[in-house]
Structure formats: C-alpha cells, structure tokens
N, C-alpha and C. Protein backbone atom coordinates (compact mmCIF):
# COMPACT_ATOMS: atom_id res chain seq x y z
N UNK A 1 0.81 -1.19 0.00
CA UNK A 1 0.00 0.00 0.00
C UNK A 1 0.86 1.25 0.00
N UNK A 2 1.95 1.27 0.76
CA UNK A 2 2.84 2.42 0.78
C UNK A 2 3.57 2.55 -0.55
N UNK A 3 3.87 1.42 -1.20
CA UNK A 3 4.49 1.45 -2.52
C UNK A 3 3.59 2.14 -3.53
N UNK A 4 2.30 1.92 -3.42
CA UNK A 4 1.34 2.58 -4.30
C UNK A 4 1.36 4.08 -4.07
N UNK A 5 1.37 4.50 -2.83
CA UNK A 5 1.41 5.92 -2.49
C UNK A 5 2.69 6.57 -3.02
N UNK A 6 3.79 5.86 -3.02
CA UNK A 6 5.07 6.39 -3.50
C UNK A 6 5.05 6.73 -4.99
N UNK A 7 4.10 6.18 -5.73
CA UNK A 7 4.00 6.47 -7.16
C UNK A 7 3.32 7.80 -7.44
N UNK A 8 2.84 8.47 -6.41
CA UNK A 8 2.09 9.71 -6.55
C UNK A 8 2.78 10.88 -5.87
N UNK A 9 2.40 12.07 -6.31
CA UNK A 9 2.74 13.31 -5.62
C UNK A 9 1.59 13.56 -4.65
N UNK A 10 1.83 13.43 -3.33
CA UNK A 10 0.71 13.61 -2.39
C UNK A 10 0.35 15.08 -2.21
N UNK A 11 -0.92 15.35 -2.29
CA UNK A 11 -1.47 16.67 -2.01
C UNK A 11 -2.26 16.54 -0.72
N UNK A 12 -1.78 17.21 0.33
CA UNK A 12 -2.42 17.11 1.63
C UNK A 12 -3.04 18.46 1.95
N UNK A 13 -4.34 18.45 2.18
CA UNK A 13 -5.07 19.66 2.54
C UNK A 13 -5.68 19.41 3.90
N UNK A 14 -5.30 20.21 4.85
CA UNK A 14 -5.77 20.07 6.22
C UNK A 14 -6.73 21.20 6.54
N UNK A 15 -7.69 20.95 7.39
CA UNK A 15 -8.62 22.00 7.77
C UNK A 15 -9.56 21.54 8.86
N UNK A 16 -10.46 22.43 9.21
CA UNK A 16 -11.43 22.15 10.28
C UNK A 16 -12.53 21.22 9.78
N UNK A 17 -13.11 20.52 10.71
CA UNK A 17 -14.21 19.62 10.39
C UNK A 17 -15.51 20.36 10.14
N UNK A 18 -16.61 19.71 10.42
CA UNK A 18 -17.93 20.25 10.09
C UNK A 18 -18.28 21.52 10.85
N UNK A 19 -17.54 21.83 11.91
CA UNK A 19 -17.83 23.06 12.65
C UNK A 19 -17.32 24.30 11.92
N UNK A 20 -16.65 24.13 10.77
CA UNK A 20 -16.29 25.24 9.89
C UNK A 20 -17.55 25.61 9.12
N UNK A 21 -18.11 26.78 9.39
CA UNK A 21 -19.40 27.14 8.81
C UNK A 21 -19.29 27.89 7.48
N UNK A 22 -18.08 28.05 6.97
CA UNK A 22 -17.91 28.74 5.69
C UNK A 22 -18.39 27.85 4.54
N UNK A 23 -18.82 28.50 3.46
CA UNK A 23 -19.20 27.76 2.26
C UNK A 23 -17.95 27.08 1.69
N UNK A 24 -18.00 25.80 1.37
CA UNK A 24 -16.80 25.10 0.91
C UNK A 24 -16.37 25.45 -0.52
N UNK A 25 -17.31 25.82 -1.40
CA UNK A 25 -16.96 26.05 -2.81
C UNK A 25 -15.93 27.16 -3.00
N UNK A 26 -16.13 28.36 -2.41
CA UNK A 26 -15.11 29.41 -2.62
C UNK A 26 -13.75 29.04 -2.04
N UNK A 27 -13.74 28.31 -0.95
CA UNK A 27 -12.47 27.91 -0.35
C UNK A 27 -11.76 26.90 -1.26
N UNK A 28 -12.51 25.93 -1.75
CA UNK A 28 -11.92 24.93 -2.65
C UNK A 28 -11.39 25.58 -3.92
N UNK A 29 -12.12 26.55 -4.47
CA UNK A 29 -11.66 27.21 -5.69
C UNK A 29 -10.42 28.08 -5.44
N UNK A 30 -10.34 28.67 -4.25
CA UNK A 30 -9.15 29.44 -3.89
C UNK A 30 -7.93 28.52 -3.76
N UNK A 31 -8.11 27.38 -3.13
CA UNK A 31 -7.04 26.40 -3.01
C UNK A 31 -6.60 25.95 -4.40
N UNK A 32 -7.56 25.62 -5.27
CA UNK A 32 -7.24 25.18 -6.62
C UNK A 32 -6.49 26.25 -7.40
N UNK A 33 -6.90 27.50 -7.26
CA UNK A 33 -6.23 28.60 -7.95
C UNK A 33 -4.78 28.73 -7.48
N UNK A 34 -4.57 28.67 -6.19
CA UNK A 34 -3.21 28.77 -5.65
C UNK A 34 -2.34 27.59 -6.08
N UNK A 35 -2.92 26.41 -6.11
CA UNK A 35 -2.16 25.24 -6.57
C UNK A 35 -1.78 25.36 -8.04
N UNK A 36 -2.71 25.83 -8.86
CA UNK A 36 -2.40 26.00 -10.29
C UNK A 36 -1.22 26.97 -10.48
N UNK A 37 -1.24 28.08 -9.75
CA UNK A 37 -0.14 29.04 -9.84
C UNK A 37 1.18 28.39 -9.44
N UNK A 38 1.17 27.67 -8.36
CA UNK A 38 2.40 27.00 -7.91
C UNK A 38 2.87 25.97 -8.92
N UNK A 39 1.95 25.19 -9.43
CA UNK A 39 2.32 24.12 -10.35
C UNK A 39 2.74 24.63 -11.72
N UNK A 40 2.43 25.90 -12.04
CA UNK A 40 2.94 26.47 -13.29
C UNK A 40 4.46 26.62 -13.23
N UNK A 41 4.97 26.98 -12.07
CA UNK A 41 6.41 27.16 -11.92
C UNK A 41 7.12 25.91 -11.44
N UNK A 42 6.42 25.09 -10.67
CA UNK A 42 7.00 23.85 -10.14
C UNK A 42 5.99 22.72 -10.27
N UNK A 43 5.84 22.18 -11.48
CA UNK A 43 4.84 21.12 -11.66
C UNK A 43 5.26 19.84 -10.93
N UNK A 44 4.27 19.11 -10.44
CA UNK A 44 4.57 17.84 -9.77
C UNK A 44 5.23 16.87 -10.76
N UNK A 45 6.15 16.08 -10.28
CA UNK A 45 6.85 15.11 -11.13
C UNK A 45 6.12 13.79 -11.26
N UNK A 46 5.06 13.62 -10.51
CA UNK A 46 4.28 12.38 -10.52
C UNK A 46 2.81 12.74 -10.58
N UNK A 47 1.95 11.77 -10.87
CA UNK A 47 0.51 12.03 -10.80
C UNK A 47 0.13 12.44 -9.37
N UNK A 48 -0.86 13.28 -9.26
CA UNK A 48 -1.29 13.81 -7.97
C UNK A 48 -2.33 12.88 -7.34
N UNK A 49 -2.22 12.73 -6.03
CA UNK A 49 -3.27 12.07 -5.26
C UNK A 49 -3.55 12.96 -4.05
N UNK A 50 -4.81 13.22 -3.80
CA UNK A 50 -5.20 14.04 -2.66
C UNK A 50 -5.35 13.14 -1.45
N UNK A 51 -4.59 13.42 -0.40
CA UNK A 51 -4.61 12.61 0.81
C UNK A 51 -5.52 13.27 1.84
N UNK A 52 -6.53 12.53 2.29
CA UNK A 52 -7.45 13.04 3.30
C UNK A 52 -7.24 12.31 4.61
N UNK A 53 -7.86 12.84 5.65
CA UNK A 53 -7.63 12.30 6.98
C UNK A 53 -8.78 11.45 7.51
N UNK A 54 -9.69 11.07 6.70
CA UNK A 54 -10.74 10.16 7.15
C UNK A 54 -11.92 10.80 7.83
N UNK A 55 -12.15 12.09 7.58
CA UNK A 55 -13.33 12.74 8.16
C UNK A 55 -14.60 12.24 7.47
N UNK A 56 -15.71 12.18 8.20
CA UNK A 56 -16.98 11.84 7.54
C UNK A 56 -17.40 12.98 6.62
N UNK A 57 -18.15 12.65 5.58
CA UNK A 57 -18.61 13.69 4.65
C UNK A 57 -19.62 14.58 5.37
N UNK A 58 -19.45 15.86 5.18
CA UNK A 58 -20.32 16.87 5.75
C UNK A 58 -20.60 17.91 4.68
N UNK A 59 -21.61 18.74 4.88
CA UNK A 59 -21.91 19.81 3.94
C UNK A 59 -20.86 20.91 3.96
N UNK A 60 -20.16 21.04 5.06
CA UNK A 60 -19.15 22.08 5.23
C UNK A 60 -17.90 21.45 5.85
N UNK A 61 -16.83 22.22 5.85
CA UNK A 61 -15.60 21.75 6.47
C UNK A 61 -14.69 21.04 5.49
N UNK A 62 -13.63 20.46 6.04
CA UNK A 62 -12.55 19.91 5.22
C UNK A 62 -13.01 18.77 4.32
N UNK A 63 -13.94 17.95 4.75
CA UNK A 63 -14.35 16.84 3.89
C UNK A 63 -15.06 17.35 2.64
N UNK A 64 -15.86 18.39 2.77
CA UNK A 64 -16.53 18.98 1.60
C UNK A 64 -15.51 19.69 0.70
N UNK A 65 -14.56 20.36 1.31
CA UNK A 65 -13.53 21.09 0.54
C UNK A 65 -12.66 20.13 -0.25
N UNK A 66 -12.19 19.06 0.39
CA UNK A 66 -11.29 18.15 -0.31
C UNK A 66 -12.02 17.39 -1.43
N UNK A 67 -13.28 17.10 -1.24
CA UNK A 67 -14.05 16.48 -2.34
C UNK A 67 -14.07 17.39 -3.56
N UNK A 68 -14.31 18.68 -3.31
CA UNK A 68 -14.37 19.65 -4.42
C UNK A 68 -13.02 19.84 -5.10
N UNK A 69 -11.95 19.88 -4.32
CA UNK A 69 -10.61 20.04 -4.91
C UNK A 69 -10.25 18.81 -5.74
N UNK A 70 -10.53 17.63 -5.22
CA UNK A 70 -10.26 16.40 -5.98
C UNK A 70 -11.05 16.39 -7.29
N UNK A 71 -12.29 16.82 -7.24
CA UNK A 71 -13.11 16.87 -8.46
C UNK A 71 -12.58 17.91 -9.44
N UNK A 72 -12.16 19.06 -8.92
CA UNK A 72 -11.63 20.13 -9.78
C UNK A 72 -10.42 19.66 -10.56
N UNK A 73 -9.53 18.92 -9.93
CA UNK A 73 -8.32 18.44 -10.59
C UNK A 73 -8.48 17.04 -11.19
N UNK A 74 -9.63 16.43 -10.94
CA UNK A 74 -9.89 15.07 -11.42
C UNK A 74 -8.78 14.11 -10.97
N UNK A 75 -8.50 14.15 -9.66
CA UNK A 75 -7.47 13.30 -9.09
C UNK A 75 -8.09 12.32 -8.10
N UNK A 76 -7.47 11.16 -7.95
CA UNK A 76 -7.95 10.21 -6.95
C UNK A 76 -7.57 10.68 -5.55
N UNK A 77 -8.12 9.99 -4.58
CA UNK A 77 -7.83 10.32 -3.19
C UNK A 77 -7.28 9.11 -2.46
N UNK A 78 -6.42 9.39 -1.50
CA UNK A 78 -5.98 8.39 -0.52
C UNK A 78 -6.53 8.85 0.82
N UNK A 79 -6.78 7.91 1.68
CA UNK A 79 -7.33 8.25 2.99
C UNK A 79 -6.47 7.63 4.07
N UNK A 80 -6.03 8.46 4.99
CA UNK A 80 -5.38 7.97 6.20
C UNK A 80 -6.44 7.92 7.28
N UNK A 81 -6.49 6.82 7.99
CA UNK A 81 -7.50 6.66 9.03
C UNK A 81 -6.86 6.14 10.31
N UNK A 82 -7.47 6.45 11.42
CA UNK A 82 -6.97 5.97 12.70
C UNK A 82 -7.17 4.46 12.81
N UNK A 83 -6.17 3.77 13.32
CA UNK A 83 -6.27 2.33 13.52
C UNK A 83 -7.43 2.03 14.47
N UNK A 84 -8.01 0.85 14.32
CA UNK A 84 -9.19 0.51 15.12
C UNK A 84 -8.90 0.49 16.61
N UNK A 85 -7.64 0.24 17.00
CA UNK A 85 -7.30 0.26 18.43
C UNK A 85 -7.41 1.68 19.01
N UNK A 86 -7.27 2.68 18.14
CA UNK A 86 -7.35 4.07 18.57
C UNK A 86 -8.80 4.56 18.50
N UNK A 87 -9.44 4.30 17.35
CA UNK A 87 -10.83 4.76 17.15
C UNK A 87 -11.49 3.84 16.12
N UNK A 88 -12.23 2.87 16.58
CA UNK A 88 -12.82 1.87 15.68
C UNK A 88 -13.90 2.44 14.76
N UNK A 89 -14.39 3.63 15.05
CA UNK A 89 -15.42 4.27 14.23
C UNK A 89 -14.82 5.09 13.08
N UNK A 90 -13.54 5.39 13.12
CA UNK A 90 -12.95 6.36 12.20
C UNK A 90 -13.05 5.92 10.73
N UNK A 91 -12.57 4.75 10.41
CA UNK A 91 -12.60 4.29 9.02
C UNK A 91 -14.02 4.07 8.50
N UNK A 92 -14.90 3.40 9.23
CA UNK A 92 -16.25 3.18 8.70
C UNK A 92 -17.03 4.47 8.44
N UNK A 93 -16.80 5.51 9.25
CA UNK A 93 -17.55 6.76 9.08
C UNK A 93 -16.88 7.73 8.11
N UNK A 94 -15.70 7.40 7.64
CA UNK A 94 -14.95 8.30 6.75
C UNK A 94 -15.60 8.40 5.37
N UNK A 95 -15.30 9.50 4.68
CA UNK A 95 -15.77 9.70 3.32
C UNK A 95 -14.87 8.88 2.38
N UNK A 96 -15.43 7.87 1.77
CA UNK A 96 -14.67 6.97 0.89
C UNK A 96 -14.80 7.35 -0.59
N UNK A 97 -15.48 8.43 -0.89
CA UNK A 97 -15.72 8.83 -2.28
C UNK A 97 -14.40 9.11 -3.01
N UNK A 98 -14.16 8.41 -4.10
CA UNK A 98 -12.96 8.62 -4.91
C UNK A 98 -11.68 8.10 -4.31
N UNK A 99 -11.78 7.39 -3.19
CA UNK A 99 -10.59 6.87 -2.51
C UNK A 99 -10.13 5.59 -3.21
N UNK A 100 -8.87 5.60 -3.64
CA UNK A 100 -8.30 4.41 -4.27
C UNK A 100 -7.27 3.72 -3.37
N UNK A 101 -6.93 4.39 -2.26
CA UNK A 101 -5.94 3.84 -1.34
C UNK A 101 -6.29 4.24 0.09
N UNK A 102 -6.33 3.25 0.98
CA UNK A 102 -6.60 3.50 2.39
C UNK A 102 -5.36 3.11 3.18
N UNK A 103 -4.87 4.04 3.99
CA UNK A 103 -3.63 3.84 4.73
C UNK A 103 -3.87 4.05 6.22
N UNK A 104 -3.63 3.03 7.04
CA UNK A 104 -3.79 3.22 8.48
C UNK A 104 -2.74 4.19 9.02
N UNK A 105 -3.12 4.91 10.05
CA UNK A 105 -2.24 5.86 10.71
C UNK A 105 -0.91 5.21 11.11
N UNK A 106 -0.97 3.99 11.61
CA UNK A 106 0.25 3.30 12.06
C UNK A 106 1.23 3.09 10.90
N UNK A 107 0.72 2.88 9.70
CA UNK A 107 1.61 2.69 8.54
C UNK A 107 2.31 4.00 8.19
N UNK A 108 1.60 5.12 8.30
CA UNK A 108 2.22 6.41 8.03
C UNK A 108 3.27 6.77 9.08
N UNK A 109 2.94 6.52 10.33
CA UNK A 109 3.90 6.86 11.39
C UNK A 109 5.15 6.02 11.31
N UNK A 110 5.04 4.81 10.81
CA UNK A 110 6.22 3.96 10.70
C UNK A 110 7.18 4.49 9.63
N UNK A 111 6.65 5.25 8.67
CA UNK A 111 7.51 5.85 7.64
C UNK A 111 8.22 7.10 8.13
N UNK A 112 7.60 7.76 9.09
CA UNK A 112 8.17 9.01 9.60
C UNK A 112 9.22 8.68 10.62
C-alpha cells in the first residue's frame, strides 16, 4: 500500500471539520487557484493524489472542501484513518468517495 502511495505526488489539505461554517466552494476554488499558480512554476513530477484524513462527509468543512478540490483536478484520493485500536469508528464513518488507497495511521507513522 505504501508502494502505491510512492508512485504519486501527495497533495495534503488540512482543515477544520464540520464546525467550519464557511461555504466550501469558494475555499476549494481558492485552493485550486493557488495550486495552479504554484504548479505552473514547479509542476509535480508524478501524478497527484489528494490525501485526506478520514473525516466523515459533511456539507461544510474539510471533507466537503477536499471532495471539491479532488473533483476540480480530477485526481484520486488516498485516505489515512486511525487504527481501530485508537478509534474503531474512524474508518467506517470516513468519506470513501474517490478513494483508491486507504492507509492506516500506524503505517504512516512507521515511515516518519
């Protein structure tokens, strides 16, 4: 699973959960605009994958924003989720839309 992730340029977008009451569309478009500017001068050397943190889908907050950014760039998503020993509800409640790779938190920490 980590070998699969190594084939991609990871795009990690962090933010607040559903308690972020801002409209997600303008935020996602601002992020996309800034990424396009950056990638004009320093394009990624590999295909992009958007890495999310396993939040449940909500109308607002980071899960809504990352869905929109992934759709804007037409990129797949990877999801990091808490191991069941830490939070057994995390993976089942996470937004799995467009996710092609699921990586447990313990696997990521072992790389760091």
